[in-house]
Amino acid sequence: MLLADIVSTAQNFVTVLYYVYLLCIIAYILTSWVPLPYNVWLNRVQRFLYDVVDPYLRLFRRMLPQLSVAGLGLDLSPIVAILMLTVVYRVVLIAIGAAN
């Protein structure tokens, strides 16, 4: 019974961590598309998102070339990063469940 509680708690922790980081990636993408007016708090939020998400995205930017469409650069690294994050999330959940 105690082991089942530990496994359930670990799975819940990994799930919450996954969704929070996914939300950070999506917020980073949206704030990079929309020019926001300068505000101290908005600047802090943008800086936080940059510090948290950009190192992860840089891993994929090194491997993927930037796609140039009609003179505009299209960065596909967030899509690949989200897919990879989902794959790792599922593998971790399976590994935690298999430990039961």
PDB file of N, CA and C in Angstrom:
ATOM      1  N   MET A   1       0.815  -1.187   0.000  1.00  0.00           N
ATOM      2  CA  MET A   1       0.000   0.000   0.000  1.00  0.00           C
ATOM      3  C   MET A   1       0.862   1.255   0.000  1.00  0.00           C
ATOM      4  N   LEU A   2       1.952   1.245   0.753  1.00  0.00           N
ATOM      5  CA  LEU A   2       2.836   2.401   0.812  1.00  0.00           C
ATOM      6  C   LEU A   2       3.536   2.618  -0.514  1.00  0.00           C
ATOM      7  N   LEU A   3       3.954   1.542  -1.178  1.00  0.00           N
ATOM      8  CA  LEU A   3       4.623   1.645  -2.468  1.00  0.00           C
ATOM      9  C   LEU A   3       3.685   2.227  -3.526  1.00  0.00           C
ATOM     10  N   ALA A   4       2.430   1.857  -3.472  1.00  0.00           N
ATOM     11  CA  ALA A   4       1.449   2.391  -4.423  1.00  0.00           C
ATOM     12  C   ALA A   4       1.264   3.889  -4.230  1.00  0.00           C
ATOM     13  N   ASP A   5       1.292   4.352  -2.986  1.00  0.00           N
ATOM     14  CA  ASP A   5       1.190   5.783  -2.717  1.00  0.00           C
ATOM     15  C   ASP A   5       2.408   6.533  -3.230  1.00  0.00           C
ATOM     16  N   ILE A   6       3.579   5.947  -3.072  1.00  0.00           N
ATOM     17  CA  ILE A   6       4.806   6.574  -3.547  1.00  0.00           C
ATOM     18  C   ILE A   6       4.794   6.669  -5.078  1.00  0.00           C
ATOM     19  N   VAL A   7       4.376   5.596  -5.729  1.00  0.00           N
ATOM     20  CA  VAL A   7       4.316   5.589  -7.200  1.00  0.00           C
ATOM     21  C   VAL A   7       3.298   6.605  -7.690  1.00  0.00           C
ATOM     22  N   SER A   8       2.154   6.648  -7.055  1.00  0.00           N
ATOM     23  CA  SER A   8       1.123   7.604  -7.438  1.00  0.00           C
ATOM     24  C   SER A   8       1.594   9.041  -7.241  1.00  0.00           C
ATOM     25  N   THR A   9       2.271   9.311  -6.148  1.00  0.00           N
ATOM     26  CA  THR A   9       2.797  10.643  -5.878  1.00  0.00           C
ATOM     27  C   THR A   9       3.860  11.027  -6.906  1.00  0.00           C
ATOM     28  N   ALA A  10       4.736  10.084  -7.245  1.00  0.00           N
ATOM     29  CA  ALA A  10       5.775  10.348  -8.246  1.00  0.00           C
ATOM     30  C   ALA A  10       5.150  10.615  -9.613  1.00  0.00           C
ATOM     31  N   GLN A  11       4.142   9.840  -9.987  1.00  0.00           N
ATOM     32  CA  GLN A  11       3.470  10.069 -11.268  1.00  0.00           C
ATOM     33  C   GLN A  11       2.773  11.425 -11.294  1.00  0.00           C
ATOM     34  N   ASN A  12       2.131  11.796 -10.206  1.00  0.00           N
ATOM     35  CA  ASN A  12       1.483  13.110 -10.130  1.00  0.00           C
ATOM     36  C   ASN A  12       2.500  14.236 -10.226  1.00  0.00           C
ATOM     37  N   PHE A  13       3.656  14.079  -9.578  1.00  0.00           N
ATOM     38  CA  PHE A  13       4.706  15.091  -9.630  1.00  0.00           C
ATOM     39  C   PHE A  13       5.224  15.258 -11.053  1.00  0.00           C
ATOM     40  N   VAL A  14       5.480  14.149 -11.726  1.00  0.00           N
ATOM     41  CA  VAL A  14       5.982  14.203 -13.108  1.00  0.00           C
ATOM     42  C   VAL A  14       4.935  14.821 -14.026  1.00  0.00           C
ATOM     43  N   THR A  15       3.682  14.507 -13.826  1.00  0.00           N
ATOM     44  CA  THR A  15       2.611  15.065 -14.647  1.00  0.00           C
ATOM     45  C   THR A  15       2.511  16.574 -14.466  1.00  0.00           C
ATOM     46  N   VAL A  16       2.550  17.038 -13.236  1.00  0.00           N
ATOM     47  CA  VAL A  16       2.478  18.480 -12.980  1.00  0.00           C
ATOM     48  C   VAL A  16       3.702  19.184 -13.560  1.00  0.00           C
ATOM     49  N   LEU A  17       4.872  18.605 -13.395  1.00  0.00           N
ATOM     50  CA  LEU A  17       6.097  19.178 -13.950  1.00  0.00           C
ATOM     51  C   LEU A  17       6.006  19.271 -15.472  1.00  0.00           C
ATOM     52  N   TYR A  18       5.495  18.244 -16.105  1.00  0.00           N
ATOM     53  CA  TYR A  18       5.316  18.240 -17.563  1.00  0.00           C
ATOM     54  C   TYR A  18       4.388  19.365 -17.999  1.00  0.00           C
ATOM     55  N   TYR A  19       3.236  19.485 -17.361  1.00  0.00           N
ATOM     56  CA  TYR A  19       2.269  20.501 -17.774  1.00  0.00           C
ATOM     57  C   TYR A  19       2.766  21.919 -17.501  1.00  0.00           C
ATOM     58  N   VAL A  20       3.470  22.127 -16.421  1.00  0.00           N
ATOM     59  CA  VAL A  20       4.006  23.461 -16.118  1.00  0.00           C
ATOM     60  C   VAL A  20       5.058  23.847 -17.153  1.00  0.00           C
ATOM     61  N   TYR A  21       5.946  22.913 -17.504  1.00  0.00           N
ATOM     62  CA  TYR A  21       6.980  23.228 -18.489  1.00  0.00           C
ATOM     63  C   TYR A  21       6.371  23.405 -19.878  1.00  0.00           C
ATOM     64  N   LEU A  22       5.362  22.612 -20.201  1.00  0.00           N
ATOM     65  CA  LEU A  22       4.661  22.783 -21.469  1.00  0.00           C
ATOM     66  C   LEU A  22       3.994  24.148 -21.541  1.00  0.00           C
ATOM     67  N   LEU A  23       3.387  24.565 -20.458  1.00  0.00           N
ATOM     68  CA  LEU A  23       2.772  25.891 -20.394  1.00  0.00           C
ATOM     69  C   LEU A  23       3.827  26.988 -20.541  1.00  0.00           C
ATOM     70  N   CYS A  24       4.998  26.799 -19.944  1.00  0.00           N
ATOM     71  CA  CYS A  24       6.083  27.777 -20.085  1.00  0.00           C
ATOM     72  C   CYS A  24       6.546  27.878 -21.537  1.00  0.00           C
ATOM     73  N   ILE A  25       6.655  26.750 -22.227  1.00  0.00           N
ATOM     74  CA  ILE A  25       7.061  26.769 -23.635  1.00  0.00           C
ATOM     75  C   ILE A  25       6.025  27.506 -24.480  1.00  0.00           C
ATOM     76  N   ILE A  26       4.760  27.222 -24.257  1.00  0.00           N
ATOM     77  CA  ILE A  26       3.702  27.873 -25.029  1.00  0.00           C
ATOM     78  C   ILE A  26       3.661  29.373 -24.734  1.00  0.00           C
ATOM     79  N   ALA A  27       3.820  29.748 -23.479  1.00  0.00           N
ATOM     80  CA  ALA A  27       3.849  31.172 -23.130  1.00  0.00           C
ATOM     81  C   ALA A  27       5.060  31.855 -23.752  1.00  0.00           C
ATOM     82  N   TYR A  28       6.190  31.169 -23.785  1.00  0.00           N
ATOM     83  CA  TYR A  28       7.398  31.720 -24.419  1.00  0.00           C
ATOM     84  C   TYR A  28       7.162  31.957 -25.910  1.00  0.00           C
ATOM     85  N   ILE A  29       6.524  31.004 -26.563  1.00  0.00           N
ATOM     86  CA  ILE A  29       6.230  31.149 -27.992  1.00  0.00           C
ATOM     87  C   ILE A  29       5.302  32.340 -28.223  1.00  0.00           C
ATOM     88  N   LEU A  30       4.256  32.434 -27.435  1.00  0.00           N
ATOM     89  CA  LEU A  30       3.296  33.526 -27.609  1.00  0.00           C
ATOM     90  C   LEU A  30       3.921  34.888 -27.332  1.00  0.00           C
ATOM     91  N   THR A  31       4.732  34.991 -26.290  1.00  0.00           N
ATOM     92  CA  THR A  31       5.351  36.286 -25.985  1.00  0.00           C
ATOM     93  C   THR A  31       6.439  36.654 -26.986  1.00  0.00           C
ATOM     94  N   SER A  32       6.977  35.672 -27.700  1.00  0.00           N
ATOM     95  CA  SER A  32       7.953  36.013 -28.728  1.00  0.00           C
ATOM     96  C   SER A  32       7.264  36.471 -30.015  1.00  0.00           C
ATOM     97  N   TRP A  33       6.032  36.065 -30.236  1.00  0.00           N
ATOM     98  CA  TRP A  33       5.287  36.490 -31.425  1.00  0.00           C
ATOM     99  C   TRP A  33       4.679  37.874 -31.269  1.00  0.00           C
ATOM    100  N   VAL A  34       4.136  38.148 -30.092  1.00  0.00           N
ATOM    101  CA  VAL A  34       3.376  39.372 -29.865  1.00  0.00           C
ATOM    102  C   VAL A  34       4.288  40.405 -29.206  1.00  0.00           C
ATOM    103  N   PRO A  35       4.479  41.552 -29.846  1.00  0.00           N
ATOM    104  CA  PRO A  35       5.282  42.593 -29.189  1.00  0.00           C
ATOM    105  C   PRO A  35       4.482  43.215 -28.035  1.00  0.00           C
ATOM    106  N   LEU A  36       4.993  43.060 -26.844  1.00  0.00           N
ATOM    107  CA  LEU A  36       4.310  43.577 -25.666  1.00  0.00           C
ATOM    108  C   LEU A  36       4.857  44.947 -25.311  1.00  0.00           C
ATOM    109  N   PRO A  37       4.013  45.825 -24.774  1.00  0.00           N
ATOM    110  CA  PRO A  37       4.530  47.126 -24.342  1.00  0.00           C
ATOM    111  C   PRO A  37       5.476  46.940 -23.163  1.00  0.00           C
ATOM    112  N   TYR A  38       6.412  47.871 -23.034  1.00  0.00           N
ATOM    113  CA  TYR A  38       7.369  47.733 -21.942  1.00  0.00           C
ATOM    114  C   TYR A  38       6.661  47.984 -20.614  1.00  0.00           C
ATOM    115  N   ASN A  39       6.815  47.037 -19.740  1.00  0.00           N
ATOM    116  CA  ASN A  39       6.313  47.111 -18.384  1.00  0.00           C
ATOM    117  C   ASN A  39       7.294  46.303 -17.545  1.00  0.00           C
ATOM    118  N   VAL A  40       7.554  46.752 -16.339  1.00  0.00           N
ATOM    119  CA  VAL A  40       8.539  46.069 -15.506  1.00  0.00           C
ATOM    120  C   VAL A  40       8.132  44.622 -15.273  1.00  0.00           C
ATOM    121  N   TRP A  41       6.861  44.384 -14.968  1.00  0.00           N
ATOM    122  CA  TRP A  41       6.417  43.027 -14.661  1.00  0.00           C
ATOM    123  C   TRP A  41       6.391  42.148 -15.906  1.00  0.00           C
ATOM    124  N   LEU A  42       5.950  42.689 -17.031  1.00  0.00           N
ATOM    125  CA  LEU A  42       5.959  41.920 -18.267  1.00  0.00           C
ATOM    126  C   LEU A  42       7.388  41.575 -18.684  1.00  0.00           C
ATOM    127  N   ASN A  43       8.287  42.516 -18.484  1.00  0.00           N
ATOM    128  CA  ASN A  43       9.681  42.268 -18.798  1.00  0.00           C
ATOM    129  C   ASN A  43      10.255  41.157 -17.916  1.00  0.00           C
ATOM    130  N   ARG A  44       9.896  41.150 -16.655  1.00  0.00           N
ATOM    131  CA  ARG A  44      10.361  40.091 -15.749  1.00  0.00           C
ATOM    132  C   ARG A  44       9.803  38.726 -16.135  1.00  0.00           C
ATOM    133  N   VAL A  45       8.536  38.708 -16.519  1.00  0.00           N
ATOM    134  CA  VAL A  45       7.923  37.440 -16.942  1.00  0.00           C
ATOM    135  C   VAL A  45       8.594  36.930 -18.212  1.00  0.00           C
ATOM    136  N   GLN A  46       8.812  37.829 -19.177  1.00  0.00           N
ATOM    137  CA  GLN A  46       9.484  37.428 -20.410  1.00  0.00           C
ATOM    138  C   GLN A  46      10.903  36.941 -20.132  1.00  0.00           C
ATOM    139  N   ARG A  47      11.602  37.621 -19.253  1.00  0.00           N
ATOM    140  CA  ARG A  47      12.974  37.216 -18.920  1.00  0.00           C
ATOM    141  C   ARG A  47      12.977  35.849 -18.224  1.00  0.00           C
ATOM    142  N   PHE A  48      12.015  35.617 -17.328  1.00  0.00           N
ATOM    143  CA  PHE A  48      11.904  34.319 -16.663  1.00  0.00           C
ATOM    144  C   PHE A  48      11.654  33.207 -17.683  1.00  0.00           C
ATOM    145  N   LEU A  49      10.710  33.442 -18.598  1.00  0.00           N
ATOM    146  CA  LEU A  49      10.411  32.442 -19.618  1.00  0.00           C
ATOM    147  C   LEU A  49      11.632  32.181 -20.497  1.00  0.00           C
ATOM    148  N   TYR A  50      12.355  33.238 -20.848  1.00  0.00           N
ATOM    149  CA  TYR A  50      13.558  33.074 -21.655  1.00  0.00           C
ATOM    150  C   TYR A  50      14.595  32.240 -20.908  1.00  0.00           C
ATOM    151  N   ASP A  51      14.807  32.538 -19.636  1.00  0.00           N
ATOM    152  CA  ASP A  51      15.805  31.813 -18.850  1.00  0.00           C
ATOM    153  C   ASP A  51      15.436  30.349 -18.638  1.00  0.00           C
ATOM    154  N   VAL A  52      14.151  30.047 -18.575  1.00  0.00           N
ATOM    155  CA  VAL A  52      13.706  28.681 -18.305  1.00  0.00           C
ATOM    156  C   VAL A  52      13.606  27.850 -19.585  1.00  0.00           C
ATOM    157  N   VAL A  53      13.105  28.433 -20.653  1.00  0.00           N
ATOM    158  CA  VAL A  53      12.782  27.664 -21.855  1.00  0.00           C
ATOM    159  C   VAL A  53      13.898  27.687 -22.898  1.00  0.00           C
ATOM    160  N   ASP A  54      14.582  28.798 -23.041  1.00  0.00           N
ATOM    161  CA  ASP A  54      15.539  28.932 -24.135  1.00  0.00           C
ATOM    162  C   ASP A  54      16.684  27.917 -24.089  1.00  0.00           C
ATOM    163  N   PRO A  55      17.257  27.564 -22.946  1.00  0.00           N
ATOM    164  CA  PRO A  55      18.307  26.532 -22.980  1.00  0.00           C
ATOM    165  C   PRO A  55      17.817  25.200 -23.536  1.00  0.00           C
ATOM    166  N   TYR A  56      16.591  24.829 -23.238  1.00  0.00           N
ATOM    167  CA  TYR A  56      16.017  23.593 -23.773  1.00  0.00           C
ATOM    168  C   TYR A  56      15.798  23.706 -25.281  1.00  0.00           C
ATOM    169  N   LEU A  57      15.288  24.844 -25.735  1.00  0.00           N
ATOM    170  CA  LEU A  57      15.047  25.024 -27.162  1.00  0.00           C
ATOM    171  C   LEU A  57      16.349  25.104 -27.953  1.00  0.00           C
ATOM    172  N   ARG A  58      17.403  25.630 -27.341  1.00  0.00           N
ATOM    173  CA  ARG A  58      18.695  25.728 -28.032  1.00  0.00           C
ATOM    174  C   ARG A  58      19.246  24.353 -28.409  1.00  0.00           C
ATOM    175  N   LEU A  59      18.920  23.330 -27.621  1.00  0.00           N
ATOM    176  CA  LEU A  59      19.333  21.972 -27.972  1.00  0.00           C
ATOM    177  C   LEU A  59      18.807  21.577 -29.351  1.00  0.00           C
ATOM    178  N   PHE A  60      17.585  21.948 -29.637  1.00  0.00           N
ATOM    179  CA  PHE A  60      16.955  21.582 -30.905  1.00  0.00           C
ATOM    180  C   PHE A  60      17.295  22.574 -32.012  1.00  0.00           C
ATOM    181  N   ARG A  61      17.571  23.816 -31.658  1.00  0.00           N
ATOM    182  CA  ARG A  61      17.967  24.804 -32.673  1.00  0.00           C
ATOM    183  C   ARG A  61      19.320  24.462 -33.280  1.00  0.00           C
ATOM    184  N   ARG A  62      20.175  23.799 -32.522  1.00  0.00           N
ATOM    185  CA  ARG A  62      21.470  23.379 -33.062  1.00  0.00           C
ATOM    186  C   ARG A  62      21.298  22.312 -34.130  1.00  0.00           C
ATOM    187  N   MET A  63      20.306  21.442 -33.951  1.00  0.00           N
ATOM    188  CA  MET A  63      20.107  20.329 -34.891  1.00  0.00           C
ATOM    189  C   MET A  63      19.232  20.711 -36.080  1.00  0.00           C
ATOM    190  N   LEU A  64      18.273  21.612 -35.881  1.00  0.00           N
ATOM    191  CA  LEU A  64      17.336  21.976 -36.940  1.00  0.00           C
ATOM    192  C   LEU A  64      17.737  23.300 -37.580  1.00  0.00           C
ATOM    193  N   PRO A  65      17.836  23.330 -38.888  1.00  0.00           N
ATOM    194  CA  PRO A  65      18.096  24.620 -39.529  1.00  0.00           C
ATOM    195  C   PRO A  65      16.825  25.469 -39.518  1.00  0.00           C
ATOM    196  N   GLN A  66      17.014  26.777 -39.529  1.00  0.00           N
ATOM    197  CA  GLN A  66      15.861  27.669 -39.559  1.00  0.00           C
ATOM    198  C   GLN A  66      15.281  27.663 -40.968  1.00  0.00           C
ATOM    199  N   LEU A  67      13.998  27.457 -41.066  1.00  0.00           N
ATOM    200  CA  LEU A  67      13.318  27.379 -42.346  1.00  0.00           C
ATOM    201  C   LEU A  67      12.999  28.796 -42.811  1.00  0.00           C
ATOM    202  N   SER A  68      13.382  29.102 -44.025  1.00  0.00           N
ATOM    203  CA  SER A  68      13.139  30.441 -44.563  1.00  0.00           C
ATOM    204  C   SER A  68      12.013  30.361 -45.588  1.00  0.00           C
ATOM    205  N   VAL A  69      10.900  31.027 -45.275  1.00  0.00           N
ATOM    206  CA  VAL A  69       9.733  31.038 -46.148  1.00  0.00           C
ATOM    207  C   VAL A  69       9.408  32.483 -46.482  1.00  0.00           C
ATOM    208  N   ALA A  70       9.540  32.827 -47.760  1.00  0.00           N
ATOM    209  CA  ALA A  70       9.231  34.185 -48.245  1.00  0.00           C
ATOM    210  C   ALA A  70       9.983  35.251 -47.456  1.00  0.00           C
ATOM    211  N   GLY A  71      11.217  34.968 -47.124  1.00  0.00           N
ATOM    212  CA  GLY A  71      12.030  35.950 -46.413  1.00  0.00           C
ATOM    213  C   GLY A  71      11.822  35.970 -44.914  1.00  0.00           C
ATOM    214  N   LEU A  72      10.899  35.171 -44.410  1.00  0.00           N
ATOM    215  CA  LEU A  72      10.640  35.110 -42.977  1.00  0.00           C
ATOM    216  C   LEU A  72      11.254  33.837 -42.412  1.00  0.00           C
ATOM    217  N   GLY A  73      11.911  33.950 -41.276  1.00  0.00           N
ATOM    218  CA  GLY A  73      12.491  32.779 -40.639  1.00  0.00           C
ATOM    219  C   GLY A  73      11.460  32.054 -39.803  1.00  0.00           C
ATOM    220  N   LEU A  74      11.374  30.755 -39.994  1.00  0.00           N
ATOM    221  CA  LEU A  74      10.424  29.937 -39.240  1.00  0.00           C
ATOM    222  C   LEU A  74      11.218  28.970 -38.373  1.00  0.00           C
ATOM    223  N   ASP A  75      11.037  29.083 -37.077  1.00  0.00           N
ATOM    224  CA  ASP A  75      11.757  28.249 -36.120  1.00  0.00           C
ATOM    225  C   ASP A  75      10.882  27.059 -35.743  1.00  0.00           C
ATOM    226  N   LEU A  76      11.328  25.872 -36.112  1.00  0.00           N
ATOM    227  CA  LEU A  76      10.569  24.651 -35.830  1.00  0.00           C
ATOM    228  C   LEU A  76      10.991  23.988 -34.522  1.00  0.00           C
ATOM    229  N   SER A  77      11.969  24.549 -33.849  1.00  0.00           N
ATOM    230  CA  SER A  77      12.474  23.914 -32.635  1.00  0.00           C
ATOM    231  C   SER A  77      11.428  23.793 -31.525  1.00  0.00           C
ATOM    232  N   PRO A  78      10.509  24.747 -31.326  1.00  0.00           N
ATOM    233  CA  PRO A  78       9.496  24.529 -30.274  1.00  0.00           C
ATOM    234  C   PRO A  78       8.596  23.322 -30.536  1.00  0.00           C
ATOM    235  N   ILE A  79       8.287  23.058 -31.802  1.00  0.00           N
ATOM    236  CA  ILE A  79       7.441  21.912 -32.119  1.00  0.00           C
ATOM    237  C   ILE A  79       8.161  20.615 -31.774  1.00  0.00           C
ATOM    238  N   VAL A  80       9.415  20.524 -32.201  1.00  0.00           N
ATOM    239  CA  VAL A  80      10.202  19.320 -31.921  1.00  0.00           C
ATOM    240  C   VAL A  80      10.448  19.191 -30.420  1.00  0.00           C
ATOM    241  N   ALA A  81      10.681  20.313 -29.748  1.00  0.00           N
ATOM    242  CA  ALA A  81      10.919  20.283 -28.298  1.00  0.00           C
ATOM    243  C   ALA A  81       9.687  19.789 -27.546  1.00  0.00           C
ATOM    244  N   ILE A  82       8.505  20.226 -27.962  1.00  0.00           N
ATOM    245  CA  ILE A  82       7.274  19.774 -27.306  1.00  0.00           C
ATOM    246  C   ILE A  82       7.056  18.281 -27.566  1.00  0.00           C
ATOM    247  N   LEU A  83       7.312  17.844 -28.788  1.00  0.00           N
ATOM    248  CA  LEU A  83       7.168  16.415 -29.091  1.00  0.00           C
ATOM    249  C   LEU A  83       8.142  15.580 -28.263  1.00  0.00           C
ATOM    250  N   MET A  84       9.385  16.028 -28.159  1.00  0.00           N
ATOM    251  CA  MET A  84      10.381  15.292 -27.378  1.00  0.00           C
ATOM    252  C   MET A  84      10.027  15.300 -25.888  1.00  0.00           C
ATOM    253  N   LEU A  85       9.534  16.431 -25.397  1.00  0.00           N
ATOM    254  CA  LEU A  85       9.118  16.512 -24.002  1.00  0.00           C
ATOM    255  C   LEU A  85       7.985  15.531 -23.720  1.00  0.00           C
ATOM    256  N   THR A  86       7.052  15.402 -24.655  1.00  0.00           N
ATOM    257  CA  THR A  86       5.936  14.468 -24.489  1.00  0.00           C
ATOM    258  C   THR A  86       6.421  13.023 -24.496  1.00  0.00           C
ATOM    259  N   VAL A  87       7.360  12.718 -25.383  1.00  0.00           N
ATOM    260  CA  VAL A  87       7.898  11.358 -25.435  1.00  0.00           C
ATOM    261  C   VAL A  87       8.612  11.018 -24.124  1.00  0.00           C
ATOM    262  N   VAL A  88       9.432  11.932 -23.636  1.00  0.00           N
ATOM    263  CA  VAL A  88      10.152  11.689 -22.377  1.00  0.00           C
ATOM    264  C   VAL A  88       9.170  11.568 -21.216  1.00  0.00           C
ATOM    265  N   TYR A  89       8.144  12.385 -21.216  1.00  0.00           N
ATOM    266  CA  TYR A  89       7.116  12.318 -20.176  1.00  0.00           C
ATOM    267  C   TYR A  89       6.446  10.940 -20.152  1.00  0.00           C
ATOM    268  N   ARG A  90       6.072  10.436 -21.321  1.00  0.00           N
ATOM    269  CA  ARG A  90       5.428   9.120 -21.390  1.00  0.00           C
ATOM    270  C   ARG A  90       6.374   8.008 -20.953  1.00  0.00           C
ATOM    271  N   VAL A  91       7.641   8.094 -21.370  1.00  0.00           N
ATOM    272  CA  VAL A  91       8.622   7.067 -20.985  1.00  0.00           C
ATOM    273  C   VAL A  91       8.830   7.067 -19.475  1.00  0.00           C
ATOM    274  N   VAL A  92       8.916   8.257 -18.879  1.00  0.00           N
ATOM    275  CA  VAL A  92       9.111   8.347 -17.424  1.00  0.00           C
ATOM    276  C   VAL A  92       7.899   7.780 -16.687  1.00  0.00           C
ATOM    277  N   LEU A  93       6.702   8.093 -17.178  1.00  0.00           N
ATOM    278  CA  LEU A  93       5.503   7.544 -16.534  1.00  0.00           C
ATOM    279  C   LEU A  93       5.467   6.015 -16.623  1.00  0.00           C
ATOM    280  N   ILE A  94       5.858   5.476 -17.766  1.00  0.00           N
ATOM    281  CA  ILE A  94       5.898   4.021 -17.915  1.00  0.00           C
ATOM    282  C   ILE A  94       6.962   3.419 -16.992  1.00  0.00           C
ATOM    283  N   ALA A  95       8.104   4.092 -16.899  1.00  0.00           N
ATOM    284  CA  ALA A  95       9.182   3.592 -16.022  1.00  0.00           C
ATOM    285  C   ALA A  95       8.770   3.637 -14.551  1.00  0.00           C
ATOM    286  N   ILE A  96       8.075   4.683 -14.154  1.00  0.00           N
ATOM    287  CA  ILE A  96       7.614   4.761 -12.766  1.00  0.00           C
ATOM    288  C   ILE A  96       6.561   3.698 -12.498  1.00  0.00           C
ATOM    289  N   GLY A  97       5.645   3.492 -13.456  1.00  0.00           N
ATOM    290  CA  GLY A  97       4.608   2.486 -13.292  1.00  0.00           C
ATOM    291  C   GLY A  97       5.177   1.074 -13.305  1.00  0.00           C
ATOM    292  N   ALA A  98       6.248   0.856 -14.058  1.00  0.00           N
ATOM    293  CA  ALA A  98       6.863  -0.472 -14.108  1.00  0.00           C
ATOM    294  C   ALA A  98       7.617  -0.780 -12.816  1.00  0.00           C
ATOM    295  N   ALA A  99       7.993   0.247 -12.084  1.00  0.00           N
ATOM    296  CA  ALA A  99       8.701   0.032 -10.808  1.00  0.00           C
ATOM    297  C   ALA A  99       7.753  -0.502  -9.742  1.00  0.00           C
ATOM    298  N   ASN A 100       6.480  -0.396  -9.999  1.00  0.00           N
ATOM    299  CA  ASN A 100       5.477  -0.840  -9.025  1.00  0.00           C
ATOM    300  C   ASN A 100       5.461  -2.302  -8.872  1.00  0.00           C
TER     301      ASN A 100
END
